[in-house]
Amino acid sequence: MARPLKTIVIGTSLTEASDGVVRTGAALARATGALPWLIHVYPPVAMDPMGPTGMDAQWMVEQVGCLRELITEQARRTGLAALPGFSPDHVELVLGSPHRQIIDLARRVHAGLVVLGAAESHGVLGSTADRVIRKAPCPVLAVRSAEAFPPRRVEIPVDLSPLAAHALRQGLGFLAEIGVPAAQTEVLFVLNPFEVGGSLHFSPEQIQRFAGEELELFLAANSPAAGRPKVQIRTGYPREEILTALEETGADLAVLGTHGRSGFERLMIGSVASGVLRGAGCNLLVVPPPASYPIDHPVAHPAAEDSAAESREALTGADWSYVSDETPVAAGQR
């Protein structure tokens, strides 16, 4: 399972809405014993929207002093300042690009989680949250509702891939640390309509049964034997089905894995994950691939490809691409 959470980075905009984000981060730190860091990043334009053009040193000192008072007061009223181990040394007030400074702090303090606001409107992911999710070295909790923490209903969509296995383990480990029982968690697998209706050898009922068996194998390999989460299998297009499931179950939290990195940033987080991030109205825990995962190194040799497939199956306990161990349905009896 996931490593115990030791350090949390909390991003704040110092607005009234961001109080909920900081309270969520404080609640996480309290529940896990992790050390919290609080950061506010202010761009140059925020320092002088209508004031003097010279931006003399004394004026800058005064503006930073005002921001320091605001962030200190926010830490006090949200309960963050009262946590054991927290001190003014764990408050960062930085000039620069918000997503870059948040990611830099997360790397410097070896954060196990970044907590920030998703956006202040339903179905919209803020630009800072989007950029942090794409580049963060650790999971990111994007908070839409502080009232929904700790979560009572959790949805974890999976596609039975190694990256989904990693996200599932990380998500279950996170939930265990904050005391959310497995009974409140559901693992969701969405079958594409073409998988169900397009097979020449198997009936839709057989495909559904295969999917259930593979999902159980997947859970057996990637979740604790005691207190295993519930499962649901749906048929449809993944993004739409995941969003529908979140609405129908009234999920407070969705756990999502992202795709690989490319170059200097994770350019593609996956079209399904991206659509869910933008369409979901609940809080989101977004888990990046493990740093050692060989995503940018395509397999070139058939033997190596077979080895990679075996490694994948060993990692996940399931391989949805192979279901030929069942007698095909007879022609004309579908």
C-alpha atoms as a PDB file:
ATOM      1  CA  MET A   1       0.000   0.000   0.000  1.00  0.00           C
ATOM      2  CA  ALA A   2       0.932   3.661  -0.052  1.00  0.00           C
ATOM      3  CA  ARG A   3       3.623   5.001   2.246  1.00  0.00           C
ATOM      4  CA  PRO A   4       2.435   6.828   5.377  1.00  0.00           C
ATOM      5  CA  LEU A   5       1.759  10.492   4.722  1.00  0.00           C
ATOM      6  CA  LYS A   6       4.492  12.590   6.357  1.00  0.00           C
ATOM      7  CA  THR A   7       4.364  16.013   4.688  1.00  0.00           C
ATOM      8  CA  ILE A   8       1.498  17.995   3.127  1.00  0.00           C
ATOM      9  CA  VAL A   9       1.741  21.177   1.056  1.00  0.00           C
ATOM     10  CA  ILE A  10      -1.375  23.375   1.174  1.00  0.00           C
ATOM     11  CA  GLY A  11      -1.849  26.090  -1.436  1.00  0.00           C
ATOM     12  CA  THR A  12      -3.931  29.125  -0.516  1.00  0.00           C
ATOM     13  CA  SER A  13      -5.214  32.116  -2.467  1.00  0.00           C
ATOM     14  CA  LEU A  14      -5.898  33.983   0.820  1.00  0.00           C
ATOM     15  CA  THR A  15      -9.535  34.457  -0.250  1.00  0.00           C
ATOM     16  CA  GLU A  16     -12.455  33.532   1.974  1.00  0.00           C
ATOM     17  CA  ALA A  17     -13.128  30.547  -0.298  1.00  0.00           C
ATOM     18  CA  SER A  18      -9.615  29.215   0.328  1.00  0.00           C
ATOM     19  CA  ASP A  19     -10.328  28.884   4.065  1.00  0.00           C
ATOM     20  CA  GLY A  20     -12.048  25.591   3.274  1.00  0.00           C
ATOM     21  CA  VAL A  21      -8.992  24.339   1.422  1.00  0.00           C
ATOM     22  CA  VAL A  22      -6.720  25.168   4.369  1.00  0.00           C
ATOM     23  CA  ARG A  23      -9.171  23.580   6.834  1.00  0.00           C
ATOM     24  CA  THR A  24      -9.171  20.420   4.723  1.00  0.00           C
ATOM     25  CA  GLY A  25      -5.367  20.372   4.734  1.00  0.00           C
ATOM     26  CA  ALA A  26      -5.344  20.927   8.496  1.00  0.00           C
ATOM     27  CA  ALA A  27      -7.837  18.085   9.004  1.00  0.00           C
ATOM     28  CA  LEU A  28      -5.631  15.800   6.905  1.00  0.00           C
ATOM     29  CA  ALA A  29      -2.540  16.738   8.901  1.00  0.00           C
ATOM     30  CA  ARG A  30      -4.423  16.155  12.161  1.00  0.00           C
ATOM     31  CA  ALA A  31      -5.696  12.740  11.042  1.00  0.00           C
ATOM     32  CA  THR A  32      -2.386  11.473   9.681  1.00  0.00           C
ATOM     33  CA  GLY A  33       0.174  13.258  11.843  1.00  0.00           C
ATOM     34  CA  ALA A  34       1.751  14.728   8.693  1.00  0.00           C
ATOM     35  CA  LEU A  35       3.628  18.030   8.846  1.00  0.00           C
ATOM     36  CA  PRO A  36       1.763  20.756   6.910  1.00  0.00           C
ATOM     37  CA  TRP A  37       3.300  23.556   4.863  1.00  0.00           C
ATOM     38  CA  LEU A  38       1.192  26.547   3.812  1.00  0.00           C
ATOM     39  CA  ILE A  39       2.077  28.487   0.663  1.00  0.00           C
ATOM     40  CA  HIS A  40       0.705  31.582  -1.058  1.00  0.00           C
ATOM     41  CA  VAL A  41       2.210  32.713  -4.348  1.00  0.00           C
ATOM     42  CA  TYR A  42       1.598  36.256  -5.513  1.00  0.00           C
ATOM     43  CA  PRO A  43       2.316  37.376  -9.080  1.00  0.00           C
ATOM     44  CA  PRO A  44       3.960  40.780  -9.700  1.00  0.00           C
ATOM     45  CA  VAL A  45       0.726  42.323 -10.976  1.00  0.00           C
ATOM     46  CA  ALA A  46      -1.023  41.469  -7.719  1.00  0.00           C
ATOM     47  CA  MET A  47       1.327  43.719  -5.815  1.00  0.00           C
ATOM     48  CA  ASP A  48       0.383  46.956  -7.558  1.00  0.00           C
ATOM     49  CA  PRO A  49      -2.879  46.814  -9.509  1.00  0.00           C
ATOM     50  CA  MET A  50      -3.375  50.607  -9.469  1.00  0.00           C
ATOM     51  CA  GLY A  51      -0.515  51.977  -7.409  1.00  0.00           C
ATOM     52  CA  PRO A  52       2.886  53.517  -8.069  1.00  0.00           C
ATOM     53  CA  THR A  53       4.805  52.436 -11.144  1.00  0.00           C
ATOM     54  CA  GLY A  54       8.182  52.666  -9.468  1.00  0.00           C
ATOM     55  CA  MET A  55       7.387  49.889  -6.966  1.00  0.00           C
ATOM     56  CA  ASP A  56       9.945  51.260  -4.516  1.00  0.00           C
ATOM     57  CA  ALA A  57      11.418  48.895  -1.958  1.00  0.00           C
ATOM     58  CA  GLN A  58       9.472  50.365   0.983  1.00  0.00           C
ATOM     59  CA  TRP A  59       6.131  49.918  -0.816  1.00  0.00           C
ATOM     60  CA  MET A  60       7.000  46.312  -1.643  1.00  0.00           C
ATOM     61  CA  VAL A  61       7.928  45.596   1.974  1.00  0.00           C
ATOM     62  CA  GLU A  62       4.570  47.007   3.110  1.00  0.00           C
ATOM     63  CA  GLN A  63       2.619  44.887   0.604  1.00  0.00           C
ATOM     64  CA  VAL A  64       4.444  41.719   1.597  1.00  0.00           C
ATOM     65  CA  GLY A  65       3.837  42.593   5.235  1.00  0.00           C
ATOM     66  CA  CYS A  66       0.091  42.821   4.551  1.00  0.00           C
ATOM     67  CA  LEU A  67       0.140  39.429   2.853  1.00  0.00           C
ATOM     68  CA  ARG A  68       2.102  37.994   5.783  1.00  0.00           C
ATOM     69  CA  GLU A  69      -0.578  39.214   8.198  1.00  0.00           C
ATOM     70  CA  LEU A  70      -3.313  37.683   6.020  1.00  0.00           C
ATOM     71  CA  ILE A  71      -1.686  34.259   5.760  1.00  0.00           C
ATOM     72  CA  THR A  72      -0.846  34.207   9.477  1.00  0.00           C
ATOM     73  CA  GLU A  73      -4.443  35.044  10.348  1.00  0.00           C
ATOM     74  CA  GLN A  74      -5.754  32.385   7.952  1.00  0.00           C
ATOM     75  CA  ALA A  75      -3.516  29.754   9.553  1.00  0.00           C
ATOM     76  CA  ARG A  76      -4.888  30.772  12.958  1.00  0.00           C
ATOM     77  CA  ARG A  77      -8.618  30.802  12.128  1.00  0.00           C
ATOM     78  CA  THR A  78      -8.501  27.519  10.186  1.00  0.00           C
ATOM     79  CA  GLY A  79      -6.796  25.672  13.045  1.00  0.00           C
ATOM     80  CA  LEU A  80      -3.609  25.054  11.083  1.00  0.00           C
ATOM     81  CA  ALA A  81      -1.447  27.135  13.423  1.00  0.00           C
ATOM     82  CA  ALA A  82      -2.524  25.029  16.429  1.00  0.00           C
ATOM     83  CA  LEU A  83      -1.252  21.742  14.975  1.00  0.00           C
ATOM     84  CA  PRO A  84       1.802  20.127  16.620  1.00  0.00           C
ATOM     85  CA  GLY A  85       4.992  20.829  14.716  1.00  0.00           C
ATOM     86  CA  PHE A  86       3.564  23.701  12.671  1.00  0.00           C
ATOM     87  CA  SER A  87       5.452  26.970  12.960  1.00  0.00           C
ATOM     88  CA  PRO A  88       5.930  30.243  11.031  1.00  0.00           C
ATOM     89  CA  ASP A  89       8.869  28.500   9.321  1.00  0.00           C
ATOM     90  CA  HIS A  90       6.315  26.337   7.520  1.00  0.00           C
ATOM     91  CA  VAL A  91       4.614  29.322   5.872  1.00  0.00           C
ATOM     92  CA  GLU A  92       5.871  30.289   2.412  1.00  0.00           C
ATOM     93  CA  LEU A  93       5.034  33.665   0.865  1.00  0.00           C
ATOM     94  CA  VAL A  94       6.573  33.694  -2.597  1.00  0.00           C
ATOM     95  CA  LEU A  95       6.633  35.951  -5.649  1.00  0.00           C
ATOM     96  CA  GLY A  96       6.290  34.029  -8.921  1.00  0.00           C
ATOM     97  CA  SER A  97       4.171  31.601 -10.896  1.00  0.00           C
ATOM     98  CA  PRO A  98       1.728  29.823  -8.552  1.00  0.00           C
ATOM     99  CA  HIS A  99       1.927  26.317 -10.001  1.00  0.00           C
ATOM    100  CA  ARG A 100       5.725  26.390 -10.308  1.00  0.00           C
ATOM    101  CA  GLN A 101       6.278  27.564  -6.748  1.00  0.00           C
ATOM    102  CA  ILE A 102       3.815  25.028  -5.309  1.00  0.00           C
ATOM    103  CA  ILE A 103       5.500  22.189  -7.219  1.00  0.00           C
ATOM    104  CA  ASP A 104       8.957  23.435  -6.203  1.00  0.00           C
ATOM    105  CA  LEU A 105       7.981  23.457  -2.519  1.00  0.00           C
ATOM    106  CA  ALA A 106       6.458  19.972  -2.827  1.00  0.00           C
ATOM    107  CA  ARG A 107       9.753  18.694  -4.221  1.00  0.00           C
ATOM    108  CA  ARG A 108      11.921  20.486  -1.655  1.00  0.00           C
ATOM    109  CA  VAL A 109      10.022  19.132   1.355  1.00  0.00           C
ATOM    110  CA  HIS A 110       9.356  15.701  -0.238  1.00  0.00           C
ATOM    111  CA  ALA A 111       5.610  16.176   0.106  1.00  0.00           C
ATOM    112  CA  GLY A 112       3.376  13.131  -0.013  1.00  0.00           C
ATOM    113  CA  LEU A 113       0.337  15.231  -0.943  1.00  0.00           C
ATOM    114  CA  VAL A 114      -0.537  18.665  -2.311  1.00  0.00           C
ATOM    115  CA  VAL A 115      -3.875  20.188  -1.277  1.00  0.00           C
ATOM    116  CA  LEU A 116      -5.340  23.089  -3.239  1.00  0.00           C
ATOM    117  CA  GLY A 117      -8.631  24.519  -4.441  1.00  0.00           C
ATOM    118  CA  ALA A 118     -10.060  23.035  -7.626  1.00  0.00           C
ATOM    119  CA  ALA A 119     -12.124  26.088  -8.544  1.00  0.00           C
ATOM    120  CA  GLU A 120     -14.970  28.059  -7.115  1.00  0.00           C
ATOM    121  CA  SER A 121     -17.539  26.828  -9.674  1.00  0.00           C
ATOM    122  CA  HIS A 122     -18.898  23.371 -10.500  1.00  0.00           C
ATOM    123  CA  GLY A 123     -17.301  21.570 -13.414  1.00  0.00           C
ATOM    124  CA  VAL A 124     -14.393  23.961 -13.889  1.00  0.00           C
ATOM    125  CA  LEU A 125     -10.819  23.126 -12.953  1.00  0.00           C
ATOM    126  CA  GLY A 126      -8.747  26.203 -12.172  1.00  0.00           C
ATOM    127  CA  SER A 127      -5.601  26.825 -14.212  1.00  0.00           C
ATOM    128  CA  THR A 128      -3.310  26.516 -11.164  1.00  0.00           C
ATOM    129  CA  ALA A 129      -4.878  23.213 -10.116  1.00  0.00           C
ATOM    130  CA  ASP A 130      -4.690  21.895 -13.671  1.00  0.00           C
ATOM    131  CA  ARG A 131      -0.998  22.757 -13.984  1.00  0.00           C
ATOM    132  CA  VAL A 132      -0.085  21.392 -10.565  1.00  0.00           C
ATOM    133  CA  ILE A 133      -1.876  18.118 -11.361  1.00  0.00           C
ATOM    134  CA  ARG A 134       0.091  17.784 -14.600  1.00  0.00           C
ATOM    135  CA  LYS A 135       3.505  18.319 -12.991  1.00  0.00           C
ATOM    136  CA  ALA A 136       3.251  17.403  -9.313  1.00  0.00           C
ATOM    137  CA  PRO A 137       5.650  14.721  -8.008  1.00  0.00           C
ATOM    138  CA  CYS A 138       2.976  13.392  -5.620  1.00  0.00           C
ATOM    139  CA  PRO A 139      -0.809  12.961  -5.426  1.00  0.00           C
ATOM    140  CA  VAL A 140      -2.904  16.135  -5.504  1.00  0.00           C
ATOM    141  CA  LEU A 141      -6.149  16.653  -3.591  1.00  0.00           C
ATOM    142  CA  ALA A 142      -8.236  19.208  -5.508  1.00  0.00           C
ATOM    143  CA  VAL A 143     -10.855  20.516  -3.079  1.00  0.00           C
ATOM    144  CA  ARG A 144     -14.241  21.673  -4.315  1.00  0.00           C
ATOM    145  CA  SER A 145     -16.083  21.265  -0.996  1.00  0.00           C
ATOM    146  CA  ALA A 146     -14.484  21.341   2.439  1.00  0.00           C
ATOM    147  CA  GLU A 147     -17.786  20.109   3.891  1.00  0.00           C
ATOM    148  CA  ALA A 148     -17.318  16.836   1.971  1.00  0.00           C
ATOM    149  CA  PHE A 149     -14.192  15.960   3.952  1.00  0.00           C
ATOM    150  CA  PRO A 150     -13.685  13.405   5.324  1.00  0.00           C
ATOM    151  CA  PRO A 151     -15.548  11.686   2.479  1.00  0.00           C
ATOM    152  CA  ARG A 152     -18.520   9.416   3.146  1.00  0.00           C
ATOM    153  CA  ARG A 153     -18.711   8.010  -0.395  1.00  0.00           C
ATOM    154  CA  VAL A 154     -15.646   7.400  -2.578  1.00  0.00           C
ATOM    155  CA  GLU A 155     -15.502   6.311  -6.216  1.00  0.00           C
ATOM    156  CA  ILE A 156     -12.309   4.853  -7.749  1.00  0.00           C
ATOM    157  CA  PRO A 157     -12.573   4.290 -11.524  1.00  0.00           C
ATOM    158  CA  VAL A 158     -10.091   1.728 -12.895  1.00  0.00           C
ATOM    159  CA  ASP A 159      -9.255   0.267 -16.316  1.00  0.00           C
ATOM    160  CA  LEU A 160      -7.229  -2.723 -14.980  1.00  0.00           C
ATOM    161  CA  SER A 161      -3.956  -1.183 -16.201  1.00  0.00           C
ATOM    162  CA  PRO A 162      -0.739  -0.946 -14.136  1.00  0.00           C
ATOM    163  CA  LEU A 163      -1.300   2.790 -13.705  1.00  0.00           C
ATOM    164  CA  ALA A 164      -4.826   2.156 -12.437  1.00  0.00           C
ATOM    165  CA  ALA A 165      -3.416  -0.443 -10.029  1.00  0.00           C
ATOM    166  CA  HIS A 166      -0.963   2.132  -8.688  1.00  0.00           C
ATOM    167  CA  ALA A 167      -3.713   4.743  -8.296  1.00  0.00           C
ATOM    168  CA  LEU A 168      -5.948   2.215  -6.526  1.00  0.00           C
ATOM    169  CA  ARG A 169      -3.238   1.270  -4.028  1.00  0.00           C
ATOM    170  CA  GLN A 170      -2.399   4.909  -3.368  1.00  0.00           C
ATOM    171  CA  GLY A 171      -6.053   5.840  -3.011  1.00  0.00           C
ATOM    172  CA  LEU A 172      -6.875   2.988  -0.629  1.00  0.00           C
ATOM    173  CA  GLY A 173      -3.789   3.764   1.441  1.00  0.00           C
ATOM    174  CA  PHE A 174      -4.833   7.418   1.677  1.00  0.00           C
ATOM    175  CA  LEU A 175      -8.381   6.483   2.708  1.00  0.00           C
ATOM    176  CA  ALA A 176      -7.115   4.047   5.356  1.00  0.00           C
ATOM    177  CA  GLU A 177      -4.918   6.776   6.865  1.00  0.00           C
ATOM    178  CA  ILE A 178      -7.833   9.176   7.267  1.00  0.00           C
ATOM    179  CA  GLY A 179     -10.114   6.457   8.638  1.00  0.00           C
ATOM    180  CA  VAL A 180     -12.523   5.947   5.720  1.00  0.00           C
ATOM    181  CA  PRO A 181     -13.786   2.327   5.818  1.00  0.00           C
ATOM    182  CA  ALA A 182     -13.700   0.198   2.675  1.00  0.00           C
ATOM    183  CA  ALA A 183     -17.489  -0.147   2.825  1.00  0.00           C
ATOM    184  CA  GLN A 184     -17.749   3.510   1.814  1.00  0.00           C
ATOM    185  CA  THR A 185     -15.562   2.964  -1.264  1.00  0.00           C
ATOM    186  CA  GLU A 186     -16.607   1.639  -4.668  1.00  0.00           C
ATOM    187  CA  VAL A 187     -14.290   0.564  -7.485  1.00  0.00           C
ATOM    188  CA  LEU A 188     -15.791   1.238 -10.904  1.00  0.00           C
ATOM    189  CA  PHE A 189     -14.906  -0.513 -14.173  1.00  0.00           C
ATOM    190  CA  VAL A 190     -16.524   0.732 -17.380  1.00  0.00           C
ATOM    191  CA  LEU A 191     -16.905  -1.601 -20.356  1.00  0.00           C
ATOM    192  CA  ASN A 192     -16.920   0.052 -23.755  1.00  0.00           C
ATOM    193  CA  PRO A 193     -20.051  -0.817 -25.792  1.00  0.00           C
ATOM    194  CA  PHE A 194     -17.815  -2.150 -28.562  1.00  0.00           C
ATOM    195  CA  GLU A 195     -16.275  -4.629 -26.098  1.00  0.00           C
ATOM    196  CA  VAL A 196     -19.690  -5.892 -25.073  1.00  0.00           C
ATOM    197  CA  GLY A 197     -21.486  -5.974 -28.408  1.00  0.00           C
ATOM    198  CA  GLY A 198     -18.642  -6.393 -30.869  1.00  0.00           C
ATOM    199  CA  SER A 199     -17.313  -9.845 -29.938  1.00  0.00           C
ATOM    200  CA  LEU A 200     -17.780 -12.650 -32.491  1.00  0.00           C
ATOM    201  CA  HIS A 201     -17.066 -15.343 -29.910  1.00  0.00           C
ATOM    202  CA  PHE A 202     -18.706 -14.270 -26.661  1.00  0.00           C
ATOM    203  CA  SER A 203     -22.159 -13.113 -25.643  1.00  0.00           C
ATOM    204  CA  PRO A 204     -22.680  -9.825 -23.761  1.00  0.00           C
ATOM    205  CA  GLU A 205     -23.441 -11.888 -20.641  1.00  0.00           C
ATOM    206  CA  GLN A 206     -20.119 -13.729 -20.934  1.00  0.00           C
ATOM    207  CA  ILE A 207     -18.255 -10.442 -21.445  1.00  0.00           C
ATOM    208  CA  GLN A 208     -19.888  -9.023 -18.316  1.00  0.00           C
ATOM    209  CA  ARG A 209     -18.929 -12.133 -16.349  1.00  0.00           C
ATOM    210  CA  PHE A 210     -15.331 -12.000 -17.631  1.00  0.00           C
ATOM    211  CA  ALA A 211     -15.139  -8.350 -16.580  1.00  0.00           C
ATOM    212  CA  GLY A 212     -16.388  -9.203 -13.088  1.00  0.00           C
ATOM    213  CA  GLU A 213     -13.834 -11.992 -12.707  1.00  0.00           C
ATOM    214  CA  GLU A 214     -10.977  -9.803 -13.916  1.00  0.00           C
ATOM    215  CA  LEU A 215     -12.024  -6.968 -11.614  1.00  0.00           C
ATOM    216  CA  GLU A 216     -12.025  -9.347  -8.645  1.00  0.00           C
ATOM    217  CA  LEU A 217      -8.513 -10.546  -9.574  1.00  0.00           C
ATOM    218  CA  PHE A 218      -7.424  -6.933  -9.899  1.00  0.00           C
ATOM    219  CA  LEU A 219      -8.759  -6.094  -6.434  1.00  0.00           C
ATOM    220  CA  ALA A 220      -7.225  -9.226  -4.913  1.00  0.00           C
ATOM    221  CA  ALA A 221      -3.799  -8.121  -6.163  1.00  0.00           C
ATOM    222  CA  ASN A 222      -4.104  -4.449  -5.220  1.00  0.00           C
ATOM    223  CA  SER A 223      -6.250  -4.152  -2.088  1.00  0.00           C
ATOM    224  CA  PRO A 224      -6.154  -5.664   1.406  1.00  0.00           C
ATOM    225  CA  ALA A 225      -7.912  -8.996   1.861  1.00  0.00           C
ATOM    226  CA  ALA A 226      -9.900  -7.637   4.787  1.00  0.00           C
ATOM    227  CA  GLY A 227     -12.350  -4.853   4.114  1.00  0.00           C
ATOM    228  CA  ARG A 228     -12.262  -4.917   0.310  1.00  0.00           C
ATOM    229  CA  PRO A 229     -14.225  -2.127  -1.412  1.00  0.00           C
ATOM    230  CA  LYS A 230     -17.469  -2.636  -3.297  1.00  0.00           C
ATOM    231  CA  VAL A 231     -17.413  -2.979  -7.094  1.00  0.00           C
ATOM    232  CA  GLN A 232     -19.565  -1.760  -9.943  1.00  0.00           C
ATOM    233  CA  ILE A 233     -19.382  -2.589 -13.660  1.00  0.00           C
ATOM    234  CA  ARG A 234     -21.077  -0.292 -16.133  1.00  0.00           C
ATOM    235  CA  THR A 235     -21.297  -0.308 -19.925  1.00  0.00           C
ATOM    236  CA  GLY A 236     -20.849   2.887 -21.887  1.00  0.00           C
ATOM    237  CA  TYR A 237     -18.272   5.514 -22.715  1.00  0.00           C
ATOM    238  CA  PRO A 238     -15.902   5.848 -19.746  1.00  0.00           C
ATOM    239  CA  ARG A 239     -15.972   9.608 -19.143  1.00  0.00           C
ATOM    240  CA  GLU A 240     -19.760   9.838 -19.270  1.00  0.00           C
ATOM    241  CA  GLU A 241     -20.275   6.706 -17.189  1.00  0.00           C
ATOM    242  CA  ILE A 242     -17.817   7.812 -14.509  1.00  0.00           C
ATOM    243  CA  LEU A 243     -19.450  11.231 -14.215  1.00  0.00           C
ATOM    244  CA  THR A 244     -22.896   9.596 -14.076  1.00  0.00           C
ATOM    245  CA  ALA A 245     -21.727   7.196 -11.367  1.00  0.00           C
ATOM    246  CA  LEU A 246     -20.342  10.099  -9.321  1.00  0.00           C
ATOM    247  CA  GLU A 247     -23.701  11.857  -9.529  1.00  0.00           C
ATOM    248  CA  GLU A 248     -25.800   8.760  -8.807  1.00  0.00           C
ATOM    249  CA  THR A 249     -23.762   7.662  -5.799  1.00  0.00           C
ATOM    250  CA  GLY A 250     -23.373  11.196  -4.462  1.00  0.00           C
ATOM    251  CA  ALA A 251     -19.614  10.664  -4.247  1.00  0.00           C
ATOM    252  CA  ASP A 252     -17.674  13.097  -2.058  1.00  0.00           C
ATOM    253  CA  LEU A 253     -14.333  12.024  -3.540  1.00  0.00           C
ATOM    254  CA  ALA A 254     -13.097  10.487  -6.780  1.00  0.00           C
ATOM    255  CA  VAL A 255      -9.642   8.912  -7.016  1.00  0.00           C
ATOM    256  CA  LEU A 256      -8.112   9.184 -10.494  1.00  0.00           C
ATOM    257  CA  GLY A 257      -4.844   7.939 -11.977  1.00  0.00           C
ATOM    258  CA  THR A 258      -3.145   9.894 -14.737  1.00  0.00           C
ATOM    259  CA  HIS A 259      -1.141   8.805 -17.744  1.00  0.00           C
ATOM    260  CA  GLY A 260       2.588   9.221 -18.290  1.00  0.00           C
ATOM    261  CA  ARG A 261       4.988  12.068 -18.467  1.00  0.00           C
ATOM    262  CA  SER A 262       6.406  13.377 -21.717  1.00  0.00           C
ATOM    263  CA  GLY A 263       9.381  15.696 -21.812  1.00  0.00           C
ATOM    264  CA  PHE A 264       9.276  18.277 -19.055  1.00  0.00           C
ATOM    265  CA  GLU A 265       5.655  17.778 -18.045  1.00  0.00           C
ATOM    266  CA  ARG A 266       2.782  15.345 -18.125  1.00  0.00           C
ATOM    267  CA  LEU A 267       1.329  16.668 -21.379  1.00  0.00           C
ATOM    268  CA  MET A 268      -1.343  13.993 -21.575  1.00  0.00           C
ATOM    269  CA  ILE A 269      -3.119  13.025 -18.383  1.00  0.00           C
ATOM    270  CA  GLY A 270      -5.518  10.890 -20.403  1.00  0.00           C
ATOM    271  CA  SER A 271      -8.686  12.079 -22.098  1.00  0.00           C
ATOM    272  CA  VAL A 272     -10.922  10.193 -19.648  1.00  0.00           C
ATOM    273  CA  ALA A 273      -9.161  11.551 -16.542  1.00  0.00           C
ATOM    274  CA  SER A 274      -9.086  15.030 -18.069  1.00  0.00           C
ATOM    275  CA  GLY A 275     -12.826  14.944 -18.796  1.00  0.00           C
ATOM    276  CA  VAL A 276     -13.657  13.716 -15.297  1.00  0.00           C
ATOM    277  CA  LEU A 277     -11.435  16.359 -13.709  1.00  0.00           C
ATOM    278  CA  ARG A 278     -13.344  19.078 -15.524  1.00  0.00           C
ATOM    279  CA  GLY A 279     -16.812  17.622 -15.176  1.00  0.00           C
ATOM    280  CA  ALA A 280     -16.910  16.239 -11.647  1.00  0.00           C
ATOM    281  CA  GLY A 281     -18.535  18.233  -8.881  1.00  0.00           C
ATOM    282  CA  CYS A 282     -16.802  16.393  -6.029  1.00  0.00           C
ATOM    283  CA  ASN A 283     -13.341  16.548  -4.497  1.00  0.00           C
ATOM    284  CA  LEU A 284     -10.647  14.801  -6.524  1.00  0.00           C
ATOM    285  CA  LEU A 285      -7.544  12.868  -5.488  1.00  0.00           C
ATOM    286  CA  VAL A 286      -5.304  12.694  -8.559  1.00  0.00           C
ATOM    287  CA  VAL A 287      -2.463  10.165  -8.460  1.00  0.00           C
ATOM    288  CA  PRO A 288       0.517  10.475 -10.854  1.00  0.00           C
ATOM    289  CA  PRO A 289       2.400   7.430 -12.163  1.00  0.00           C
ATOM    290  CA  PRO A 290       5.261   6.114 -10.012  1.00  0.00           C
ATOM    291  CA  ALA A 291       8.498   7.909 -10.825  1.00  0.00           C
ATOM    292  CA  SER A 292      10.150   4.661 -11.940  1.00  0.00           C
ATOM    293  CA  TYR A 293       7.370   3.650 -14.350  1.00  0.00           C
ATOM    294  CA  PRO A 294       8.931   3.283 -17.871  1.00  0.00           C
ATOM    295  CA  ILE A 295       6.243   5.244 -19.713  1.00  0.00           C
ATOM    296  CA  ASP A 296       8.520   7.083 -22.113  1.00  0.00           C
ATOM    297  CA  HIS A 297      10.332   3.940 -23.271  1.00  0.00           C
ATOM    298  CA  PRO A 298       8.224   2.022 -25.820  1.00  0.00           C
ATOM    299  CA  VAL A 299       8.831  -1.712 -26.196  1.00  0.00           C
ATOM    300  CA  ALA A 300      10.541  -2.464 -29.498  1.00  0.00           C
ATOM    301  CA  HIS A 301      11.188  -6.218 -29.462  1.00  0.00           C
ATOM    302  CA  PRO A 302       8.457  -8.925 -29.441  1.00  0.00           C
ATOM    303  CA  ALA A 303      10.161 -10.835 -26.633  1.00  0.00           C
ATOM    304  CA  ALA A 304      10.389  -7.669 -24.587  1.00  0.00           C
ATOM    305  CA  GLU A 305       6.725  -6.997 -25.322  1.00  0.00           C
ATOM    306  CA  ASP A 306       5.772 -10.441 -23.966  1.00  0.00           C
ATOM    307  CA  SER A 307       7.851  -9.768 -20.857  1.00  0.00           C
ATOM    308  CA  ALA A 308       6.157  -6.407 -20.388  1.00  0.00           C
ATOM    309  CA  ALA A 309       2.740  -8.073 -20.659  1.00  0.00           C
ATOM    310  CA  GLU A 310       3.717 -10.653 -18.026  1.00  0.00           C
ATOM    311  CA  SER A 311       4.970  -7.881 -15.747  1.00  0.00           C
ATOM    312  CA  ARG A 312       1.719  -6.015 -16.217  1.00  0.00           C
ATOM    313  CA  GLU A 313      -0.344  -9.059 -15.301  1.00  0.00           C
ATOM    314  CA  ALA A 314       1.842  -9.761 -12.268  1.00  0.00           C
ATOM    315  CA  LEU A 315       1.370  -6.167 -11.146  1.00  0.00           C
ATOM    316  CA  THR A 316      -2.385  -5.949 -11.592  1.00  0.00           C
ATOM    317  CA  GLY A 317      -3.516  -9.548 -11.160  1.00  0.00           C
ATOM    318  CA  ALA A 318      -5.719  -9.119 -14.217  1.00  0.00           C
ATOM    319  CA  ASP A 319      -5.404  -8.827 -17.960  1.00  0.00           C
ATOM    320  CA  TRP A 320      -8.615  -7.732 -19.631  1.00  0.00           C
ATOM    321  CA  SER A 321      -7.102  -8.254 -23.103  1.00  0.00           C
ATOM    322  CA  TYR A 322      -7.087 -12.036 -22.590  1.00  0.00           C
ATOM    323  CA  VAL A 323     -10.423 -13.744 -21.969  1.00  0.00           C
ATOM    324  CA  SER A 324     -10.187 -16.789 -24.265  1.00  0.00           C
ATOM    325  CA  ASP A 325     -10.296 -19.419 -21.524  1.00  0.00           C
ATOM    326  CA  GLU A 326     -14.053 -19.787 -21.927  1.00  0.00           C
ATOM    327  CA  THR A 327     -15.903 -21.843 -24.565  1.00  0.00           C
ATOM    328  CA  PRO A 328     -17.194 -19.350 -27.166  1.00  0.00           C
ATOM    329  CA  VAL A 329     -20.939 -19.020 -27.504  1.00  0.00           C
ATOM    330  CA  ALA A 330     -22.287 -21.066 -30.384  1.00  0.00           C
ATOM    331  CA  ALA A 331     -23.098 -19.261 -33.616  1.00  0.00           C
ATOM    332  CA  GLY A 332     -26.675 -18.059 -33.723  1.00  0.00           C
ATOM    333  CA  GLN A 333     -27.156 -18.397 -29.948  1.00  0.00           C
ATOM    334  CA  ARG A 334     -26.080 -14.933 -28.844  1.00  0.00           C
END
